[in-house]
Amino acid sequence: MINNLKLSHNIRSKIIKLSYETKSAHLGSSLSCVEILISTLLEFNNKKDELIFSKGHAALAYYATLNEFNYLNNSSILNFLKKGTKLWSHVTKQNHPFFKYSFGALGYGLGISAGIGYLMKIKRKKSRVFCILSDGELNEGSIWESILFISHHKLNNIVILIDKNLWQSFGRTRDIINLGNLKSKFKNFNFDTFEVDGHSINSIRKIIKKTTSLPKIIICKTVKGKGIKRIEDKLSSHYYPARREDLYEK
């Protein structure tokens, strides 16, 4: 039986350690999406599904989770940001099944997902595309173009997971561009839309498992900087690396 708490603890521990040792940023963004990544990979079929991590600035979370699931070896993780590495502060394309695309600039992961999902539908493949977005990323026009395309073609092989931690690089998402009620908005685009506790693996997995005739969006309500009390729900977690005091006990 999988221990969800242990999984989350191990991954957060790796994220914090990497951030502290390399003085790398986007700590808060990485800590908020841990359970989203875990839930996705627990439901993921690596022989036929695709994972598009559009929230590429949260690379620490992506690397640590892939490592925990044995999709990324320890030597790669230990080499993070060092000379000769393939793991940078933003997810970068390399010859690896989980690194087919580079993500740093936001907004185009969903377009890639739409294209893959459309091809899967044409070829009648029993496969899925999981696309993980940040809520700040929803400000990008390309996201809404992709939403229209996915809705029009009824691509119910796409599962969109939104890390709704309520922050983006310069402030609260509602203060930068207030998108109002996201659940209602996505329903108007003809999506099956769900809102869950983004730190509950069981809740997220339950929605992923639901069979729907429409494309699916899961709005995951999360806490930026989750796991480090001093930076939880604070903008500073976006920029400053972890401190020694933040390191988890083994």
Protein backbone atom coordinates (compact mmCIF):
# COMPACT_ATOMS: atom_id res chain seq x y z
CA MET A 1 0.00 0.00 0.00
CA ILE A 2 1.33 3.43 -0.98
CA ASN A 3 1.94 5.82 1.91
CA ASN A 4 0.82 9.21 0.57
CA LEU A 5 2.23 11.17 3.51
CA LYS A 6 5.62 9.54 3.13
CA LEU A 7 5.66 10.24 -0.61
CA SER A 8 4.86 13.92 -0.07
CA HIS A 9 7.41 14.19 2.74
CA ASN A 10 10.20 12.58 0.71
CA ILE A 11 9.58 14.79 -2.32
CA ARG A 12 9.33 18.01 -0.31
CA SER A 13 12.52 17.06 1.51
CA LYS A 14 14.33 16.67 -1.82
CA ILE A 15 12.97 19.98 -3.13
CA ILE A 16 14.02 21.90 -0.04
CA LYS A 17 17.48 20.28 0.03
CA LEU A 18 18.09 21.06 -3.65
CA SER A 19 16.91 24.65 -3.25
CA TYR A 20 19.12 25.16 -0.20
CA GLU A 21 22.24 23.60 -1.71
CA THR A 22 22.00 25.39 -5.07
CA LYS A 23 20.37 28.63 -3.84
CA SER A 24 17.67 28.17 -6.48
CA ALA A 25 14.36 30.03 -6.57
CA HIS A 26 10.74 29.07 -7.32
CA LEU A 27 10.66 27.15 -4.06
CA GLY A 28 7.06 28.13 -3.25
CA SER A 29 5.84 27.20 -6.72
CA SER A 30 7.50 23.80 -6.43
CA LEU A 31 6.16 23.02 -2.97
CA SER A 32 2.56 23.82 -3.91
CA CYS A 33 2.27 21.25 -6.71
CA VAL A 34 3.79 18.16 -5.03
CA GLU A 35 0.52 16.28 -4.50
CA ILE A 36 -0.66 17.19 -8.01
CA LEU A 37 2.42 15.55 -9.49
CA ILE A 38 2.15 12.53 -7.19
CA SER A 39 -1.52 12.00 -8.06
CA THR A 40 -0.79 12.30 -11.77
CA LEU A 41 2.09 9.83 -11.73
CA LEU A 42 0.12 7.33 -9.64
CA GLU A 43 -2.54 7.30 -12.39
CA PHE A 44 -0.04 7.58 -15.23
CA ASN A 45 0.67 4.81 -17.73
CA ASN A 46 4.22 5.46 -18.90
CA LYS A 47 3.77 3.17 -21.92
CA LYS A 48 1.01 5.23 -23.52
CA ASP A 49 0.17 8.44 -21.59
CA GLU A 50 1.85 11.84 -21.88
CA LEU A 51 2.69 14.27 -19.08
CA ILE A 52 3.06 17.94 -20.02
CA PHE A 53 4.45 19.97 -17.12
CA SER A 54 3.67 23.41 -18.46
CA LYS A 55 4.48 24.97 -15.09
CA GLY A 56 8.14 24.58 -15.99
CA HIS A 57 9.52 27.08 -13.49
CA ALA A 58 8.58 24.60 -10.72
CA ALA A 59 11.29 22.32 -12.08
CA LEU A 60 12.46 21.32 -8.60
CA ALA A 61 9.12 19.62 -7.95
CA TYR A 62 9.20 17.89 -11.33
CA TYR A 63 12.73 16.54 -10.83
CA ALA A 64 12.18 15.45 -7.23
CA THR A 65 8.91 13.66 -8.04
CA LEU A 66 10.29 11.89 -11.11
CA ASN A 67 13.23 10.77 -8.97
CA GLU A 68 10.92 9.46 -6.23
CA PHE A 69 9.04 7.43 -8.85
CA ASN A 70 12.33 6.12 -10.33
CA TYR A 71 11.87 7.92 -13.65
CA LEU A 72 14.98 10.04 -12.99
CA ASN A 73 18.16 8.64 -11.46
CA ASN A 74 19.93 9.94 -8.37
CA SER A 75 23.04 11.07 -10.23
CA SER A 76 20.94 13.41 -12.39
CA ILE A 77 19.32 14.96 -9.31
CA LEU A 78 22.65 15.39 -7.53
CA ASN A 79 24.02 17.16 -10.60
CA PHE A 80 21.22 19.78 -10.61
CA LEU A 81 22.56 23.16 -11.84
CA LYS A 82 26.15 21.87 -11.89
CA LYS A 83 28.52 21.89 -14.84
CA GLY A 84 27.44 19.39 -17.48
CA THR A 85 23.95 18.98 -16.06
CA LYS A 86 20.78 18.45 -18.07
CA LEU A 87 18.62 19.66 -15.20
CA TRP A 88 18.26 23.43 -15.12
CA SER A 89 16.09 25.82 -13.11
CA HIS A 90 13.40 25.48 -15.80
CA VAL A 91 12.43 22.19 -17.41
CA THR A 92 14.58 21.76 -20.52
CA LYS A 93 14.22 19.38 -23.47
CA GLN A 94 16.53 16.37 -23.52
CA ASN A 95 16.60 12.78 -24.75
CA HIS A 96 14.29 11.42 -22.05
CA PRO A 97 10.59 10.43 -22.21
CA PHE A 98 9.63 12.99 -19.55
CA PHE A 99 11.63 15.82 -21.14
CA LYS A 100 10.31 16.05 -24.68
CA TYR A 101 9.73 19.81 -24.43
CA SER A 102 11.24 22.84 -22.72
CA PHE A 103 9.09 24.92 -20.39
CA GLY A 104 9.97 28.23 -18.80
CA ALA A 105 7.94 30.85 -20.61
CA LEU A 106 4.37 30.08 -19.66
CA GLY A 107 1.28 29.40 -21.70
CA TYR A 108 2.14 26.89 -24.38
CA GLY A 109 2.00 23.54 -22.58
CA LEU A 110 -1.74 23.32 -23.07
CA GLY A 111 -1.39 23.95 -26.80
CA ILE A 112 1.08 21.05 -27.02
CA SER A 113 -1.36 18.92 -25.02
CA ALA A 114 -4.19 19.83 -27.38
CA GLY A 115 -2.15 18.74 -30.39
CA ILE A 116 -1.15 15.44 -28.80
CA GLY A 117 -4.71 14.78 -27.62
CA TYR A 118 -6.13 15.52 -31.05
CA LEU A 119 -3.68 13.10 -32.72
CA MET A 120 -4.52 10.43 -30.15
CA LYS A 121 -8.20 10.87 -30.96
CA ILE A 122 -7.63 10.62 -34.73
CA LYS A 123 -5.57 7.45 -34.26
CA ARG A 124 -8.15 6.07 -31.79
CA LYS A 125 -5.51 5.55 -29.15
CA LYS A 126 -6.61 4.66 -25.62
CA SER A 127 -4.17 7.15 -24.15
CA ARG A 128 -4.38 10.31 -22.07
CA VAL A 129 -2.57 13.62 -21.84
CA PHE A 130 -2.04 15.14 -18.40
CA CYS A 131 -1.26 18.86 -18.45
CA ILE A 132 -0.24 20.67 -15.27
CA LEU A 133 -0.69 24.46 -15.30
CA SER A 134 -0.23 27.24 -12.78
CA ASP A 135 -3.09 29.63 -12.05
CA GLY A 136 -0.95 32.64 -13.01
CA GLU A 137 -0.38 30.95 -16.36
CA LEU A 138 -4.09 31.35 -17.13
CA ASN A 139 -3.36 35.00 -17.98
CA GLU A 140 -1.75 33.85 -21.21
CA GLY A 141 -3.94 34.18 -24.30
CA SER A 142 -2.59 30.93 -25.73
CA ILE A 143 -4.23 29.07 -22.85
CA TRP A 144 -7.68 30.23 -23.90
CA GLU A 145 -7.05 29.47 -27.56
CA SER A 146 -6.16 25.93 -26.49
CA ILE A 147 -9.24 25.72 -24.24
CA LEU A 148 -11.43 26.60 -27.23
CA PHE A 149 -9.72 24.00 -29.42
CA ILE A 150 -9.98 21.24 -26.80
CA SER A 151 -13.63 22.05 -26.14
CA HIS A 152 -14.56 22.21 -29.84
CA HIS A 153 -12.99 18.80 -30.55
CA LYS A 154 -14.31 17.29 -27.30
CA LEU A 155 -10.89 15.97 -26.37
CA ASN A 156 -11.89 14.03 -23.29
CA ASN A 157 -8.52 12.26 -23.37
CA ILE A 158 -6.99 15.41 -21.86
CA VAL A 159 -6.84 15.97 -18.10
CA ILE A 160 -5.90 19.53 -17.11
CA LEU A 161 -4.72 20.08 -13.54
CA ILE A 162 -4.41 23.67 -12.32
CA ASP A 163 -2.19 24.51 -9.37
CA LYS A 164 -4.32 27.26 -7.84
CA ASN A 165 -2.01 28.68 -5.18
CA LEU A 166 -3.39 32.21 -5.72
CA TRP A 167 -0.01 33.82 -6.45
CA GLN A 168 2.06 34.73 -9.49
CA SER A 169 5.41 36.43 -9.85
CA PHE A 170 4.35 39.96 -8.87
CA GLY A 171 1.39 39.47 -6.58
CA ARG A 172 -1.96 37.83 -5.98
CA THR A 173 -3.51 36.42 -9.14
CA ARG A 174 -6.78 38.25 -8.41
CA ASP A 175 -4.89 41.57 -8.30
CA ILE A 176 -2.96 41.03 -11.54
CA ILE A 177 -5.93 39.80 -13.61
CA ASN A 178 -9.05 38.73 -11.78
CA LEU A 179 -10.47 35.75 -13.67
CA GLY A 180 -13.39 35.44 -11.28
CA ASN A 181 -14.98 32.05 -10.67
CA LEU A 182 -12.76 29.64 -12.58
CA LYS A 183 -15.03 26.65 -12.09
CA SER A 184 -18.00 28.50 -13.59
CA LYS A 185 -15.85 29.91 -16.38
CA PHE A 186 -14.52 26.53 -17.49
CA LYS A 187 -17.99 24.99 -17.34
CA ASN A 188 -19.10 27.68 -19.79
CA PHE A 189 -16.41 26.40 -22.16
CA ASN A 190 -18.08 22.97 -21.96
CA PHE A 191 -15.56 21.24 -19.71
CA ASP A 192 -16.28 18.85 -16.87
CA THR A 193 -14.84 20.96 -14.09
CA PHE A 194 -13.93 19.91 -10.56
CA GLU A 195 -12.47 21.78 -7.60
CA VAL A 196 -10.53 19.85 -4.96
CA ASP A 197 -8.04 20.16 -2.12
CA GLY A 198 -4.81 20.24 -4.08
CA HIS A 199 -2.90 18.63 -1.21
CA SER A 200 -5.20 15.59 -1.01
CA ILE A 201 -3.79 12.86 -3.23
CA ASN A 202 -6.88 10.70 -2.77
CA SER A 203 -9.22 13.52 -3.80
CA ILE A 204 -7.24 14.35 -6.94
CA ARG A 205 -6.91 10.70 -7.96
CA LYS A 206 -10.63 10.14 -7.47
CA ILE A 207 -11.40 12.88 -10.01
CA ILE A 208 -8.74 11.68 -12.46
CA LYS A 209 -10.37 8.24 -12.40
CA LYS A 210 -13.83 9.64 -13.27
CA THR A 211 -14.97 8.76 -16.76
CA THR A 212 -16.31 11.85 -18.51
CA SER A 213 -17.60 12.52 -22.01
CA LEU A 214 -16.16 16.04 -21.94
CA PRO A 215 -12.60 17.29 -21.45
CA LYS A 216 -11.71 17.43 -17.77
CA ILE A 217 -10.28 20.26 -15.67
CA ILE A 218 -9.28 19.77 -12.03
CA ILE A 219 -8.79 23.01 -10.12
CA CYS A 220 -6.45 22.12 -7.25
CA LYS A 221 -6.60 24.57 -4.36
CA THR A 222 -3.08 24.69 -2.94
CA VAL A 223 -0.82 26.71 -0.64
CA LYS A 224 2.23 28.36 -2.13
CA GLY A 225 5.28 27.26 -0.16
CA LYS A 226 3.41 24.32 1.40
CA GLY A 227 5.53 22.57 4.02
CA ILE A 228 7.60 25.54 5.20
CA LYS A 229 5.47 27.59 7.60
CA ARG A 230 7.55 30.77 7.37
CA ILE A 231 6.94 31.10 3.62
CA GLU A 232 3.49 29.55 3.20
CA ASP A 233 1.11 31.76 1.19
CA LYS A 234 3.79 34.43 0.72
CA LEU A 235 5.09 36.01 -2.49
CA SER A 236 8.67 35.84 -1.16
CA SER A 237 8.58 32.04 -1.59
CA HIS A 238 8.66 32.63 -5.35
CA TYR A 239 12.13 34.18 -5.26
CA TYR A 240 14.13 33.15 -2.21
CA PRO A 241 15.79 29.74 -1.79
CA ALA A 242 15.41 27.48 1.23
CA ARG A 243 17.40 28.08 4.39
CA ARG A 244 19.22 25.55 6.55
CA GLU A 245 16.42 25.80 9.11
CA ASP A 246 13.93 24.60 6.48
CA LEU A 247 15.62 21.23 5.91
CA TYR A 248 13.43 18.29 6.84
CA GLU A 249 14.60 15.78 9.40
CA LYS A 250 15.07 12.29 7.99
